Protein backbone atom coordinates (compact mmCIF):
# COMPACT_ATOMS: atom_id res chain seq x y z
CA MET A 1 -4.60 3.22 -19.60
CA LYS A 2 -4.27 3.03 -15.93
CA ARG A 3 -4.74 0.21 -13.67
CA ILE A 4 -5.91 1.11 -10.19
CA GLY A 5 -5.82 -0.84 -6.76
CA LEU A 6 -8.46 0.63 -4.54
CA MET A 7 -8.57 0.08 -0.75
CA SER A 8 -10.01 1.62 2.40
CA ASP A 9 -10.24 1.20 6.18
CA THR A 10 -6.98 -0.42 6.87
CA HIS A 11 -6.89 0.81 10.37
CA SER A 12 -3.01 0.34 10.71
CA HIS A 13 -3.16 -3.25 9.28
CA LEU A 14 -1.85 -3.98 5.73
CA PRO A 15 -2.54 -7.59 4.63
CA GLN A 16 0.46 -8.91 2.66
CA GLY A 17 -2.18 -10.00 -0.01
CA VAL A 18 -2.16 -6.28 -1.00
CA PHE A 19 1.27 -6.38 -2.55
CA GLU A 20 0.43 -9.52 -4.64
CA HIS A 21 -2.89 -8.40 -5.86
CA PHE A 22 -1.63 -4.76 -6.63
CA ALA A 23 1.63 -5.98 -8.34
CA ASP A 24 0.30 -4.96 -11.76
CA VAL A 25 -1.49 -1.75 -10.82
CA ASP A 26 -0.20 1.67 -11.78
CA GLU A 27 -1.50 3.51 -8.64
CA ILE A 28 -3.03 2.74 -5.28
CA TRP A 29 -5.95 4.70 -4.11
CA HIS A 30 -6.94 4.56 -0.46
CA ALA A 31 -10.27 5.98 0.66
CA GLY A 32 -9.35 6.74 4.24
CA ASP A 33 -8.82 5.45 7.70
CA PHE A 34 -5.13 4.48 7.07
CA GLY A 35 -4.45 4.30 10.73
CA ASP A 36 -0.89 5.31 10.79
CA MET A 37 2.05 6.84 8.83
CA GLN A 38 4.05 3.67 8.52
CA LEU A 39 1.21 2.04 6.54
CA ILE A 40 1.35 5.01 4.12
CA THR A 41 5.18 4.74 3.86
CA GLN A 42 4.77 1.01 2.95
CA LEU A 43 2.13 1.67 0.33
CA SER A 44 3.85 4.67 -1.28
CA ASN A 45 7.27 2.86 -1.47
CA PHE A 46 5.45 0.16 -3.36
CA LYS A 47 3.26 2.24 -5.75
CA PRO A 48 2.13 5.89 -6.37
CA LEU A 49 -0.35 6.53 -3.60
CA CYS A 50 -3.47 8.68 -3.84
CA GLY A 51 -5.91 9.09 -0.83
CA VAL A 52 -7.97 10.97 1.50
CA TYR A 53 -7.99 10.97 5.29
CA GLY A 54 -10.69 9.18 7.24
CA ASN A 55 -12.36 9.85 10.56
CA ILE A 56 -9.78 7.74 12.56
CA ASP A 57 -6.79 9.32 11.10
CA GLY A 58 -4.66 11.71 13.30
CA SER A 59 -3.22 15.18 12.42
CA ASP A 60 -0.11 13.67 10.83
CA ILE A 61 -2.21 11.87 8.17
CA ARG A 62 -4.56 14.99 7.88
CA LYS A 63 -1.52 17.05 6.94
CA TYR A 64 -0.42 14.45 4.26
CA PHE A 65 -3.96 13.82 2.64
CA PRO A 66 -6.98 16.08 2.16
CA GLU A 67 -10.45 15.31 3.29
CA THR A 68 -11.78 15.47 -0.26
CA ARG A 69 -9.88 14.91 -3.37
CA CYS A 70 -11.12 15.73 -6.95
CA PHE A 71 -8.75 14.88 -9.82
CA MET A 72 -8.67 13.48 -13.40
CA VAL A 73 -7.21 10.21 -14.52
CA GLU A 74 -7.17 9.70 -18.28
CA GLY A 75 -10.56 11.24 -19.23
CA VAL A 76 -12.39 10.35 -15.96
CA LYS A 77 -13.09 12.97 -13.21
CA VAL A 78 -12.82 11.18 -9.87
CA LEU A 79 -14.18 12.55 -6.51
CA MET A 80 -12.98 10.80 -3.40
CA ARG A 81 -14.06 11.25 0.22
CA HIS A 82 -13.87 8.84 3.15
CA ILE A 83 -17.48 9.40 4.55
CA GLY A 84 -19.77 9.61 1.50
CA GLY A 85 -22.49 7.17 1.77
CA HIS A 86 -23.89 5.52 -1.37
CA PRO A 87 -26.42 6.46 -4.18
CA LYS A 88 -29.39 5.35 -2.17
CA LYS A 89 -28.19 7.19 0.95
CA TYR A 90 -25.41 9.77 0.51
CA ALA A 91 -23.86 11.32 3.63
CA PRO A 92 -24.96 14.98 4.41
CA GLY A 93 -23.57 17.31 1.67
CA ILE A 94 -22.25 14.60 -0.66
CA LYS A 95 -25.05 14.68 -3.20
CA ALA A 96 -24.64 18.45 -3.55
CA LEU A 97 -20.76 18.01 -3.82
CA ILE A 98 -21.36 15.39 -6.62
CA GLN A 99 -23.62 17.87 -8.41
CA GLN A 100 -21.25 20.65 -8.10
CA GLU A 101 -18.13 18.59 -9.32
CA ARG A 102 -19.85 16.26 -11.75
CA PRO A 103 -17.46 13.29 -11.36
CA GLN A 104 -17.76 10.10 -13.39
CA LEU A 105 -16.58 8.17 -10.46
CA PHE A 106 -17.20 8.83 -6.74
CA ILE A 107 -15.14 6.81 -4.20
CA SER A 108 -15.77 6.51 -0.55
CA GLY A 109 -14.94 4.15 2.40
CA HIS A 110 -16.04 4.32 6.06
CA SER A 111 -18.97 1.80 5.96
CA HIS A 112 -16.70 -1.31 5.64
CA ILE A 113 -19.37 -2.38 3.08
CA LEU A 114 -18.21 -3.26 -0.39
CA LYS A 115 -20.45 -1.44 -2.93
CA ILE A 116 -20.10 -0.84 -6.58
CA MET A 117 -23.18 0.73 -8.08
CA TYR A 118 -24.20 3.26 -10.67
CA ASP A 119 -26.24 6.47 -9.79
CA ASP A 120 -28.48 6.94 -12.80
CA ALA A 121 -29.78 10.39 -11.40
CA LEU A 122 -26.18 11.78 -10.96
CA GLN A 123 -24.63 9.86 -13.93
CA CYS A 124 -21.86 8.72 -11.59
CA LEU A 125 -20.40 5.29 -10.74
CA HIS A 126 -19.80 4.72 -7.03
CA MET A 127 -17.20 2.51 -5.59
CA ASN A 128 -16.55 1.60 -1.91
CA PRO A 129 -13.89 -1.06 -1.54
CA GLY A 130 -15.13 -2.26 1.79
CA ALA A 131 -12.35 -2.70 4.43
CA CYS A 132 -9.03 -4.70 4.50
CA GLY A 133 -8.08 -4.04 8.06
CA GLN A 134 -8.71 -5.98 11.13
CA HIS A 135 -10.96 -3.54 12.94
CA GLY A 136 -14.64 -3.04 12.30
CA TRP A 137 -17.68 -5.23 11.64
CA HIS A 138 -16.92 -6.49 8.25
CA THR A 139 -16.32 -10.25 8.05
CA VAL A 140 -14.23 -10.40 4.97
CA LYS A 141 -11.23 -8.12 4.02
CA THR A 142 -11.89 -6.66 0.47
CA LEU A 143 -10.03 -4.74 -2.21
CA ILE A 144 -11.04 -3.52 -5.75
CA ARG A 145 -8.86 -3.58 -8.82
CA PHE A 146 -10.01 -1.80 -12.01
CA SER A 147 -8.85 0.03 -15.21
CA ILE A 148 -9.40 3.46 -16.66
CA ASP A 149 -8.72 3.99 -20.37
CA GLY A 150 -9.86 7.35 -21.82
CA THR A 151 -13.39 7.73 -20.40
CA ARG A 152 -14.04 3.99 -19.82
CA ILE A 153 -13.91 2.34 -16.40
CA PHE A 154 -13.66 -1.46 -16.82
CA ASP A 155 -12.12 -4.77 -15.67
CA CYS A 156 -13.46 -4.17 -12.19
CA GLU A 157 -12.50 -7.04 -9.88
CA VAL A 158 -13.48 -7.58 -6.34
CA ILE A 159 -10.65 -9.23 -4.38
CA GLU A 160 -11.13 -11.14 -0.97
CA LEU A 161 -8.25 -11.35 1.26
CA GLY A 162 -9.83 -13.78 3.74
CA LYS A 163 -11.80 -13.36 6.93
CA ARG A 164 -11.12 -10.35 9.20
CA GLY A 165 -8.99 -11.57 12.06
CA GLN A 166 -6.87 -14.02 9.89
């Protein structure tokens, strides 16, 4: 069993609540727009870090993380990409990528809108953790924490870290 802490769109801001809420996770996944390498260092010194780069990330981060990541955790195939949209409106090319890769879990960021929804047509769970940085139009900083055991994805929790700007 793996406990996962999921975040996105930090934009160079790492709320201290991340360390408290992710204390019991096995890995941290970041769905892009880290902002700077210092944030990556802080997270990777705390827990194993998996991620993709986002549209604001510079060449240093793009050398460290790929644009798209497809990997297995336990018995779950995961596809992660910063700009991905959601089941009712995928970004260009994403639906075809999901159809090609056939993941059970698709993770994206970018919108700053927290979403957890199942795509019946593609048989895939979609998660977007919203944003936990200070930049953007979101009003509340959010994270997601969940577990994967075998092929089960469960114990999904939405965590609010307070209002943006605080």
